[in-house]
Amino acid sequence: DKRTRNFCDKCNHWVCGKHYSKVCSSCMDSSSDVMDD
């Protein structure tokens, strides 16, 4: 029951700090498979 204020800009799901990472704009433009990995 991990609560968080962060959410993914791509899938719009809530994600905690453990599963949340910041990326640059070039990575944001990469394929969805790379983002998922």
PDB file of all heavy atoms in Angstrom:
ATOM      1  N   ASP A   1       0.824  -1.209   0.000  1.00  0.00           N
ATOM      2  CA  ASP A   1       0.000   0.000   0.000  1.00  0.00           C
ATOM      3  C   ASP A   1       0.864   1.267   0.000  1.00  0.00           C
ATOM      4  O   ASP A   1       0.676   2.181   0.797  1.00  0.00           O
ATOM      5  CB  ASP A   1      -0.950  -0.010   1.201  1.00  0.00           C
ATOM      6  CG  ASP A   1      -2.084   1.005   1.019  1.00  0.00           C
ATOM      7  OD1 ASP A   1      -2.372   1.357  -0.141  1.00  0.00           O
ATOM      8  OD2 ASP A   1      -2.649   1.433   2.038  1.00  0.00           O
ATOM      9  N   LYS A   2       1.834   1.320  -0.904  1.00  0.00           N
ATOM     10  CA  LYS A   2       2.786   2.435  -0.975  1.00  0.00           C
ATOM     11  C   LYS A   2       2.114   3.654  -1.616  1.00  0.00           C
ATOM     12  O   LYS A   2       1.728   3.621  -2.780  1.00  0.00           O
ATOM     13  CB  LYS A   2       4.005   2.003  -1.795  1.00  0.00           C
ATOM     14  CG  LYS A   2       5.205   2.932  -1.688  1.00  0.00           C
ATOM     15  CD  LYS A   2       5.831   2.826  -0.320  1.00  0.00           C
ATOM     16  CE  LYS A   2       7.146   3.586  -0.262  1.00  0.00           C
ATOM     17  NZ  LYS A   2       8.196   2.892  -1.030  1.00  0.00           N
ATOM     18  N   ARG A   3       1.967   4.734  -0.836  1.00  0.00           N
ATOM     19  CA  ARG A   3       1.340   5.973  -1.332  1.00  0.00           C
ATOM     20  C   ARG A   3       2.401   6.919  -1.867  1.00  0.00           C
ATOM     21  O   ARG A   3       3.539   6.949  -1.378  1.00  0.00           O
ATOM     22  CB  ARG A   3       0.567   6.665  -0.214  1.00  0.00           C
ATOM     23  CG  ARG A   3      -0.385   5.770   0.566  1.00  0.00           C
ATOM     24  CD  ARG A   3      -1.531   5.250  -0.286  1.00  0.00           C
ATOM     25  NE  ARG A   3      -2.426   6.311  -0.738  1.00  0.00           N
ATOM     26  CZ  ARG A   3      -3.552   6.111  -1.382  1.00  0.00           C
ATOM     27  NH1 ARG A   3      -3.915   4.866  -1.692  1.00  0.00           N
ATOM     28  NH2 ARG A   3      -4.315   7.118  -1.746  1.00  0.00           N
ATOM     29  N   THR A   4       2.053   7.677  -2.906  1.00  0.00           N
ATOM     30  CA  THR A   4       3.021   8.587  -3.509  1.00  0.00           C
ATOM     31  C   THR A   4       2.299   9.774  -4.125  1.00  0.00           C
ATOM     32  O   THR A   4       1.113   9.721  -4.431  1.00  0.00           O
ATOM     33  CB  THR A   4       3.838   7.854  -4.594  1.00  0.00           C
ATOM     34  OG1 THR A   4       4.764   8.767  -5.197  1.00  0.00           O
ATOM     35  CG2 THR A   4       2.921   7.299  -5.679  1.00  0.00           C
ATOM     36  N   ARG A   5       3.074  10.890  -4.282  1.00  0.00           N
ATOM     37  CA  ARG A   5       2.551  12.080  -4.959  1.00  0.00           C
ATOM     38  C   ARG A   5       3.034  12.154  -6.403  1.00  0.00           C
ATOM     39  O   ARG A   5       2.614  13.028  -7.151  1.00  0.00           O
ATOM     40  CB  ARG A   5       2.994  13.342  -4.211  1.00  0.00           C
ATOM     41  CG  ARG A   5       2.391  13.476  -2.814  1.00  0.00           C
ATOM     42  CD  ARG A   5       2.924  14.727  -2.135  1.00  0.00           C
ATOM     43  NE  ARG A   5       2.343  14.912  -0.812  1.00  0.00           N
ATOM     44  CZ  ARG A   5       1.188  15.520  -0.562  1.00  0.00           C
ATOM     45  NH1 ARG A   5       0.489  16.018  -1.574  1.00  0.00           N
ATOM     46  NH2 ARG A   5       0.748  15.619   0.673  1.00  0.00           N
ATOM     47  N   ASN A   6       3.945  11.252  -6.800  1.00  0.00           N
ATOM     48  CA  ASN A   6       4.501  11.276  -8.152  1.00  0.00           C
ATOM     49  C   ASN A   6       3.688  10.386  -9.086  1.00  0.00           C
ATOM     50  O   ASN A   6       3.123   9.386  -8.662  1.00  0.00           O
ATOM     51  CB  ASN A   6       5.956  10.774  -8.141  1.00  0.00           C
ATOM     52  CG  ASN A   6       6.834  11.612  -7.223  1.00  0.00           C
ATOM     53  OD1 ASN A   6       6.721  12.830  -7.181  1.00  0.00           O
ATOM     54  ND2 ASN A   6       7.724  10.939  -6.483  1.00  0.00           N
ATOM     55  N   PHE A   7       3.649  10.742 -10.332  1.00  0.00           N
ATOM     56  CA  PHE A   7       3.015   9.895 -11.317  1.00  0.00           C
ATOM     57  C   PHE A   7       3.789   9.995 -12.623  1.00  0.00           C
ATOM     58  O   PHE A   7       4.509  10.958 -12.896  1.00  0.00           O
ATOM     59  CB  PHE A   7       1.538  10.251 -11.538  1.00  0.00           C
ATOM     60  CG  PHE A   7       1.313  11.648 -12.038  1.00  0.00           C
ATOM     61  CD1 PHE A   7       1.278  11.899 -13.406  1.00  0.00           C
ATOM     62  CD2 PHE A   7       1.122  12.698 -11.150  1.00  0.00           C
ATOM     63  CE1 PHE A   7       1.064  13.186 -13.879  1.00  0.00           C
ATOM     64  CE2 PHE A   7       0.910  13.989 -11.622  1.00  0.00           C
ATOM     65  CZ  PHE A   7       0.877  14.234 -12.985  1.00  0.00           C
ATOM     66  N   CYS A   8       3.638   8.968 -13.454  1.00  0.00           N
ATOM     67  CA  CYS A   8       4.372   8.880 -14.713  1.00  0.00           C
ATOM     68  C   CYS A   8       3.713   9.769 -15.762  1.00  0.00           C
ATOM     69  O   CYS A   8       2.490   9.688 -15.973  1.00  0.00           O
ATOM     70  CB  CYS A   8       4.404   7.416 -15.187  1.00  0.00           C
ATOM     71  SG  CYS A   8       5.207   7.175 -16.783  1.00  0.00           S
ATOM     72  N   ASP A   9       4.507  10.603 -16.409  1.00  0.00           N
ATOM     73  CA  ASP A   9       3.970  11.482 -17.447  1.00  0.00           C
ATOM     74  C   ASP A   9       3.518  10.718 -18.691  1.00  0.00           C
ATOM     75  O   ASP A   9       2.739  11.240 -19.491  1.00  0.00           O
ATOM     76  CB  ASP A   9       5.030  12.512 -17.867  1.00  0.00           C
ATOM     77  CG  ASP A   9       5.303  13.518 -16.759  1.00  0.00           C
ATOM     78  OD1 ASP A   9       4.362  13.796 -15.984  1.00  0.00           O
ATOM     79  OD2 ASP A   9       6.435  13.993 -16.661  1.00  0.00           O
ATOM     80  N   LYS A  10       3.986   9.483 -18.845  1.00  0.00           N
ATOM     81  CA  LYS A  10       3.641   8.731 -20.057  1.00  0.00           C
ATOM     82  C   LYS A  10       2.386   7.885 -19.882  1.00  0.00           C
ATOM     83  O   LYS A  10       1.462   7.931 -20.687  1.00  0.00           O
ATOM     84  CB  LYS A  10       4.814   7.834 -20.459  1.00  0.00           C
ATOM     85  CG  LYS A  10       4.561   7.077 -21.768  1.00  0.00           C
ATOM     86  CD  LYS A  10       5.816   6.394 -22.249  1.00  0.00           C
ATOM     87  CE  LYS A  10       5.580   5.659 -23.562  1.00  0.00           C
ATOM     88  NZ  LYS A  10       5.138   6.559 -24.638  1.00  0.00           N
ATOM     89  N   CYS A  11       2.345   7.076 -18.807  1.00  0.00           N
ATOM     90  CA  CYS A  11       1.187   6.194 -18.604  1.00  0.00           C
ATOM     91  C   CYS A  11       0.188   6.765 -17.603  1.00  0.00           C
ATOM     92  O   CYS A  11      -0.885   6.198 -17.403  1.00  0.00           O
ATOM     93  CB  CYS A  11       1.645   4.809 -18.148  1.00  0.00           C
ATOM     94  SG  CYS A  11       2.366   4.777 -16.485  1.00  0.00           S
ATOM     95  N   ASN A  12       0.577   7.859 -16.906  1.00  0.00           N
ATOM     96  CA  ASN A  12      -0.322   8.535 -15.980  1.00  0.00           C
ATOM     97  C   ASN A  12      -0.626   7.712 -14.722  1.00  0.00           C
ATOM     98  O   ASN A  12      -1.615   7.939 -14.050  1.00  0.00           O
ATOM     99  CB  ASN A  12      -1.635   8.913 -16.672  1.00  0.00           C
ATOM    100  CG  ASN A  12      -2.255  10.163 -16.046  1.00  0.00           C
ATOM    101  OD1 ASN A  12      -1.541  11.001 -15.468  1.00  0.00           O
ATOM    102  ND2 ASN A  12      -3.565  10.280 -16.130  1.00  0.00           N
ATOM    103  N   HIS A  13       0.232   6.719 -14.422  1.00  0.00           N
ATOM    104  CA  HIS A  13       0.056   5.919 -13.220  1.00  0.00           C
ATOM    105  C   HIS A  13       0.835   6.540 -12.066  1.00  0.00           C
ATOM    106  O   HIS A  13       1.901   7.138 -12.263  1.00  0.00           O
ATOM    107  CB  HIS A  13       0.563   4.486 -13.447  1.00  0.00           C
ATOM    108  CG  HIS A  13      -0.374   3.657 -14.265  1.00  0.00           C
ATOM    109  ND1 HIS A  13       0.062   2.659 -15.104  1.00  0.00           N
ATOM    110  CD2 HIS A  13      -1.724   3.681 -14.390  1.00  0.00           C
ATOM    111  CE1 HIS A  13      -0.963   2.092 -15.695  1.00  0.00           C
ATOM    112  NE2 HIS A  13      -2.062   2.710 -15.280  1.00  0.00           N
ATOM    113  N   TRP A  14       0.319   6.390 -10.833  1.00  0.00           N
ATOM    114  CA  TRP A  14       1.082   6.799  -9.662  1.00  0.00           C
ATOM    115  C   TRP A  14       2.300   5.883  -9.512  1.00  0.00           C
ATOM    116  O   TRP A  14       2.205   4.667  -9.675  1.00  0.00           O
ATOM    117  CB  TRP A  14       0.226   6.692  -8.402  1.00  0.00           C
ATOM    118  CG  TRP A  14      -0.957   7.630  -8.373  1.00  0.00           C
ATOM    119  CD1 TRP A  14      -2.255   7.314  -8.559  1.00  0.00           C
ATOM    120  CD2 TRP A  14      -0.918   9.033  -8.124  1.00  0.00           C
ATOM    121  NE1 TRP A  14      -3.067   8.426  -8.460  1.00  0.00           N
ATOM    122  CE2 TRP A  14      -2.263   9.506  -8.190  1.00  0.00           C
ATOM    123  CE3 TRP A  14       0.106   9.963  -7.867  1.00  0.00           C
ATOM    124  CZ2 TRP A  14      -2.605  10.847  -7.994  1.00  0.00           C
ATOM    125  CZ3 TRP A  14      -0.229  11.285  -7.676  1.00  0.00           C
ATOM    126  CH2 TRP A  14      -1.572  11.727  -7.748  1.00  0.00           C
ATOM    127  N   VAL A  15       3.460   6.473  -9.219  1.00  0.00           N
ATOM    128  CA  VAL A  15       4.682   5.692  -9.002  1.00  0.00           C
ATOM    129  C   VAL A  15       5.431   6.269  -7.808  1.00  0.00           C
ATOM    130  O   VAL A  15       5.550   7.490  -7.658  1.00  0.00           O
ATOM    131  CB  VAL A  15       5.606   5.684 -10.241  1.00  0.00           C
ATOM    132  CG1 VAL A  15       5.045   4.800 -11.337  1.00  0.00           C
ATOM    133  CG2 VAL A  15       5.834   7.092 -10.784  1.00  0.00           C
ATOM    134  N   CYS A  16       5.936   5.394  -6.955  1.00  0.00           N
ATOM    135  CA  CYS A  16       6.701   5.829  -5.787  1.00  0.00           C
ATOM    136  C   CYS A  16       8.120   6.164  -6.190  1.00  0.00           C
ATOM    137  O   CYS A  16       8.539   5.945  -7.332  1.00  0.00           O
ATOM    138  CB  CYS A  16       6.677   4.745  -4.707  1.00  0.00           C
ATOM    139  SG  CYS A  16       7.528   3.244  -5.205  1.00  0.00           S
ATOM    140  N   GLY A  17       8.890   6.657  -5.220  1.00  0.00           N
ATOM    141  CA  GLY A  17      10.264   7.034  -5.503  1.00  0.00           C
ATOM    142  C   GLY A  17      11.130   5.878  -5.951  1.00  0.00           C
ATOM    143  O   GLY A  17      12.096   6.053  -6.703  1.00  0.00           O
ATOM    144  N   LYS A  18      10.779   4.672  -5.498  1.00  0.00           N
ATOM    145  CA  LYS A  18      11.554   3.490  -5.870  1.00  0.00           C
ATOM    146  C   LYS A  18      11.448   3.194  -7.356  1.00  0.00           C
ATOM    147  O   LYS A  18      12.385   2.712  -7.984  1.00  0.00           O
ATOM    148  CB  LYS A  18      11.055   2.291  -5.055  1.00  0.00           C
ATOM    149  CG  LYS A  18      11.745   0.983  -5.367  1.00  0.00           C
ATOM    150  CD  LYS A  18      11.155  -0.132  -4.523  1.00  0.00           C
ATOM    151  CE  LYS A  18      11.785  -1.472  -4.882  1.00  0.00           C
ATOM    152  NZ  LYS A  18      11.203  -2.585  -4.090  1.00  0.00           N
ATOM    153  N   HIS A  19      10.270   3.464  -7.947  1.00  0.00           N
ATOM    154  CA  HIS A  19      10.038   3.162  -9.351  1.00  0.00           C
ATOM    155  C   HIS A  19      10.008   4.417 -10.223  1.00  0.00           C
ATOM    156  O   HIS A  19       9.669   4.337 -11.401  1.00  0.00           O
ATOM    157  CB  HIS A  19       8.708   2.404  -9.508  1.00  0.00           C
ATOM    158  CG  HIS A  19       8.666   1.095  -8.801  1.00  0.00           C
ATOM    159  ND1 HIS A  19       8.016   0.909  -7.602  1.00  0.00           N
ATOM    160  CD2 HIS A  19       9.234  -0.103  -9.116  1.00  0.00           C
ATOM    161  CE1 HIS A  19       8.154  -0.339  -7.213  1.00  0.00           C
ATOM    162  NE2 HIS A  19       8.893  -0.973  -8.101  1.00  0.00           N
ATOM    163  N   TYR A  20      10.366   5.567  -9.646  1.00  0.00           N
ATOM    164  CA  TYR A  20      10.282   6.832 -10.384  1.00  0.00           C
ATOM    165  C   TYR A  20      11.692   7.298 -10.707  1.00  0.00           C
ATOM    166  O   TYR A  20      12.582   7.272  -9.869  1.00  0.00           O
ATOM    167  CB  TYR A  20       9.567   7.875  -9.535  1.00  0.00           C
ATOM    168  CG  TYR A  20       9.372   9.211 -10.203  1.00  0.00           C
ATOM    169  CD1 TYR A  20       8.338   9.397 -11.109  1.00  0.00           C
ATOM    170  CD2 TYR A  20      10.214  10.283  -9.911  1.00  0.00           C
ATOM    171  CE1 TYR A  20       8.146  10.629 -11.716  1.00  0.00           C
ATOM    172  CE2 TYR A  20      10.036  11.502 -10.520  1.00  0.00           C
ATOM    173  CZ  TYR A  20       8.998  11.682 -11.427  1.00  0.00           C
ATOM    174  OH  TYR A  20       8.818  12.897 -12.019  1.00  0.00           O
ATOM    175  N   SER A  21      11.928   7.690 -11.943  1.00  0.00           N
ATOM    176  CA  SER A  21      13.239   8.225 -12.302  1.00  0.00           C
ATOM    177  C   SER A  21      13.056   9.404 -13.245  1.00  0.00           C
ATOM    178  O   SER A  21      12.138   9.418 -14.068  1.00  0.00           O
ATOM    179  CB  SER A  21      14.117   7.141 -12.953  1.00  0.00           C
ATOM    180  OG  SER A  21      13.583   6.734 -14.167  1.00  0.00           O
ATOM    181  N   LYS A  22      13.964  10.372 -13.112  1.00  0.00           N
ATOM    182  CA  LYS A  22      13.901  11.568 -13.953  1.00  0.00           C
ATOM    183  C   LYS A  22      14.754  11.345 -15.194  1.00  0.00           C
ATOM    184  O   LYS A  22      15.835  10.784 -15.127  1.00  0.00           O
ATOM    185  CB  LYS A  22      14.402  12.779 -13.189  1.00  0.00           C
ATOM    186  CG  LYS A  22      13.555  13.103 -11.964  1.00  0.00           C
ATOM    187  CD  LYS A  22      14.121  14.293 -11.215  1.00  0.00           C
ATOM    188  CE  LYS A  22      13.276  14.613  -9.980  1.00  0.00           C
ATOM    189  NZ  LYS A  22      13.811  15.753  -9.212  1.00  0.00           N
ATOM    190  N   VAL A  23      14.251  11.775 -16.346  1.00  0.00           N
ATOM    191  CA  VAL A  23      14.980  11.605 -17.606  1.00  0.00           C
ATOM    192  C   VAL A  23      15.009  12.930 -18.342  1.00  0.00           C
ATOM    193  O   VAL A  23      14.191  13.827 -18.097  1.00  0.00           O
ATOM    194  CB  VAL A  23      14.318  10.523 -18.488  1.00  0.00           C
ATOM    195  CG1 VAL A  23      14.411   9.166 -17.837  1.00  0.00           C
ATOM    196  CG2 VAL A  23      12.869  10.881 -18.771  1.00  0.00           C
ATOM    197  N   CYS A  24      15.958  13.062 -19.277  1.00  0.00           N
ATOM    198  CA  CYS A  24      16.078  14.282 -20.062  1.00  0.00           C
ATOM    199  C   CYS A  24      15.092  14.256 -21.222  1.00  0.00           C
ATOM    200  O   CYS A  24      14.435  13.249 -21.488  1.00  0.00           O
ATOM    201  CB  CYS A  24      17.509  14.441 -20.583  1.00  0.00           C
ATOM    202  SG  CYS A  24      18.000  13.134 -21.724  1.00  0.00           S
ATOM    203  N   SER A  25      15.014  15.363 -21.946  1.00  0.00           N
ATOM    204  CA  SER A  25      14.034  15.472 -23.023  1.00  0.00           C
ATOM    205  C   SER A  25      14.321  14.507 -24.168  1.00  0.00           C
ATOM    206  O   SER A  25      13.396  14.003 -24.815  1.00  0.00           O
ATOM    207  CB  SER A  25      14.020  16.918 -23.564  1.00  0.00           C
ATOM    208  OG  SER A  25      15.326  17.273 -24.015  1.00  0.00           O
ATOM    209  N   SER A  26      15.610  14.213 -24.427  1.00  0.00           N
ATOM    210  CA  SER A  26      15.928  13.284 -25.517  1.00  0.00           C
ATOM    211  C   SER A  26      15.457  11.872 -25.188  1.00  0.00           C
ATOM    212  O   SER A  26      14.989  11.134 -26.061  1.00  0.00           O
ATOM    213  CB  SER A  26      17.434  13.280 -25.802  1.00  0.00           C
ATOM    214  OG  SER A  26      18.147  12.854 -24.648  1.00  0.00           O
ATOM    215  N   CYS A  27      15.582  11.493 -23.909  1.00  0.00           N
ATOM    216  CA  CYS A  27      15.107  10.168 -23.493  1.00  0.00           C
ATOM    217  C   CYS A  27      13.593  10.100 -23.535  1.00  0.00           C
ATOM    218  O   CYS A  27      13.008   9.054 -23.809  1.00  0.00           O
ATOM    219  CB  CYS A  27      15.601   9.841 -22.089  1.00  0.00           C
ATOM    220  SG  CYS A  27      17.384   9.570 -22.007  1.00  0.00           S
ATOM    221  N   MET A  28      12.945  11.242 -23.247  1.00  0.00           N
ATOM    222  CA  MET A  28      11.489  11.257 -23.293  1.00  0.00           C
ATOM    223  C   MET A  28      10.980  10.984 -24.704  1.00  0.00           C
ATOM    224  O   MET A  28       9.883  10.479 -24.895  1.00  0.00           O
ATOM    225  CB  MET A  28      10.967  12.616 -22.817  1.00  0.00           C
ATOM    226  CG  MET A  28      11.078  12.824 -21.322  1.00  0.00           C
ATOM    227  SD  MET A  28      10.006  11.724 -20.390  1.00  0.00           S
ATOM    228  CE  MET A  28       8.409  12.327 -20.888  1.00  0.00           C
ATOM    229  N   ASP A  29      11.807  11.346 -25.714  1.00  0.00           N
ATOM    230  CA  ASP A  29      11.405  11.144 -27.098  1.00  0.00           C
ATOM    231  C   ASP A  29      11.746   9.756 -27.630  1.00  0.00           C
ATOM    232  O   ASP A  29      11.436   9.420 -28.779  1.00  0.00           O
ATOM    233  CB  ASP A  29      12.070  12.201 -28.002  1.00  0.00           C
ATOM    234  CG  ASP A  29      11.593  13.596 -27.662  1.00  0.00           C
ATOM    235  OD1 ASP A  29      10.451  13.704 -27.159  1.00  0.00           O
ATOM    236  OD2 ASP A  29      12.352  14.550 -27.894  1.00  0.00           O
ATOM    237  N   SER A  30      12.416   8.933 -26.808  1.00  0.00           N
ATOM    238  CA  SER A  30      12.812   7.595 -27.252  1.00  0.00           C
ATOM    239  C   SER A  30      11.591   6.672 -27.282  1.00  0.00           C
ATOM    240  O   SER A  30      10.494   7.031 -26.860  1.00  0.00           O
ATOM    241  CB  SER A  30      13.901   7.029 -26.347  1.00  0.00           C
ATOM    242  OG  SER A  30      13.404   6.889 -25.031  1.00  0.00           O
ATOM    243  N   SER A  31      11.807   5.459 -27.755  1.00  0.00           N
ATOM    244  CA  SER A  31      10.686   4.510 -27.909  1.00  0.00           C
ATOM    245  C   SER A  31      10.123   4.101 -26.563  1.00  0.00           C
ATOM    246  O   SER A  31      10.792   4.151 -25.535  1.00  0.00           O
ATOM    247  CB  SER A  31      11.158   3.273 -28.673  1.00  0.00           C
ATOM    248  OG  SER A  31      12.098   2.575 -27.894  1.00  0.00           O
ATOM    249  N   SER A  32       8.884   3.683 -26.595  1.00  0.00           N
ATOM    250  CA  SER A  32       8.198   3.288 -25.368  1.00  0.00           C
ATOM    251  C   SER A  32       8.841   2.066 -24.740  1.00  0.00           C
ATOM    252  O   SER A  32       8.840   1.914 -23.525  1.00  0.00           O
ATOM    253  CB  SER A  32       6.730   3.002 -25.661  1.00  0.00           C
ATOM    254  OG  SER A  32       6.618   1.959 -26.600  1.00  0.00           O
ATOM    255  N   ASP A  33       9.422   1.196 -25.548  1.00  0.00           N
ATOM    256  CA  ASP A  33      10.051   0.001 -24.998  1.00  0.00           C
ATOM    257  C   ASP A  33      11.252   0.358 -24.145  1.00  0.00           C
ATOM    258  O   ASP A  33      11.488  -0.238 -23.094  1.00  0.00           O
ATOM    259  CB  ASP A  33      10.480  -0.943 -26.122  1.00  0.00           C
ATOM    260  CG  ASP A  33       9.287  -1.631 -26.769  1.00  0.00           C
ATOM    261  OD1 ASP A  33       8.227  -1.682 -26.121  1.00  0.00           O
ATOM    262  OD2 ASP A  33       9.440  -2.106 -27.915  1.00  0.00           O
ATOM    263  N   VAL A  34      12.044   1.360 -24.583  1.00  0.00           N
ATOM    264  CA  VAL A  34      13.198   1.803 -23.811  1.00  0.00           C
ATOM    265  C   VAL A  34      12.741   2.428 -22.513  1.00  0.00           C
ATOM    266  O   VAL A  34      13.295   2.197 -21.440  1.00  0.00           O
ATOM    267  CB  VAL A  34      14.057   2.786 -24.629  1.00  0.00           C
ATOM    268  CG1 VAL A  34      15.194   3.336 -23.777  1.00  0.00           C
ATOM    269  CG2 VAL A  34      14.608   2.086 -25.863  1.00  0.00           C
ATOM    270  N   MET A  35      11.695   3.238 -22.568  1.00  0.00           N
ATOM    271  CA  MET A  35      11.164   3.862 -21.361  1.00  0.00           C
ATOM    272  C   MET A  35      10.684   2.805 -20.374  1.00  0.00           C
ATOM    273  O   MET A  35      10.903   2.901 -19.165  1.00  0.00           O
ATOM    274  CB  MET A  35      10.003   4.793 -21.729  1.00  0.00           C
ATOM    275  CG  MET A  35      10.448   6.112 -22.355  1.00  0.00           C
ATOM    276  SD  MET A  35      11.307   7.155 -21.167  1.00  0.00           S
ATOM    277  CE  MET A  35       9.998   7.508 -20.023  1.00  0.00           C
ATOM    278  N   ASP A  36      10.014   1.772 -20.881  1.00  0.00           N
ATOM    279  CA  ASP A  36       9.510   0.719 -20.007  1.00  0.00           C
ATOM    280  C   ASP A  36      10.656  -0.001 -19.319  1.00  0.00           C
ATOM    281  O   ASP A  36      10.578  -0.348 -18.139  1.00  0.00           O
ATOM    282  CB  ASP A  36       8.676  -0.269 -20.807  1.00  0.00           C
ATOM    283  CG  ASP A  36       7.377   0.356 -21.281  1.00  0.00           C
ATOM    284  OD1 ASP A  36       6.933   1.343 -20.660  1.00  0.00           O
ATOM    285  OD2 ASP A  36       6.811  -0.141 -22.267  1.00  0.00           O
ATOM    286  N   ASP A  37      11.767  -0.205 -20.049  1.00  0.00           N
ATOM    287  CA  ASP A  37      12.908  -0.878 -19.444  1.00  0.00           C
ATOM    288  C   ASP A  37      13.543  -0.018 -18.359  1.00  0.00           C
ATOM    289  O   ASP A  37      13.974  -0.514 -17.317  1.00  0.00           O
ATOM    290  CB  ASP A  37      13.947  -1.206 -20.511  1.00  0.00           C
ATOM    291  CG  ASP A  37      13.447  -2.296 -21.448  1.00  0.00           C
ATOM    292  OD1 ASP A  37      12.552  -3.063 -21.031  1.00  0.00           O
ATOM    293  OD2 ASP A  37      13.968  -2.388 -22.577  1.00  0.00           O
TER     294      ASP A  37
END
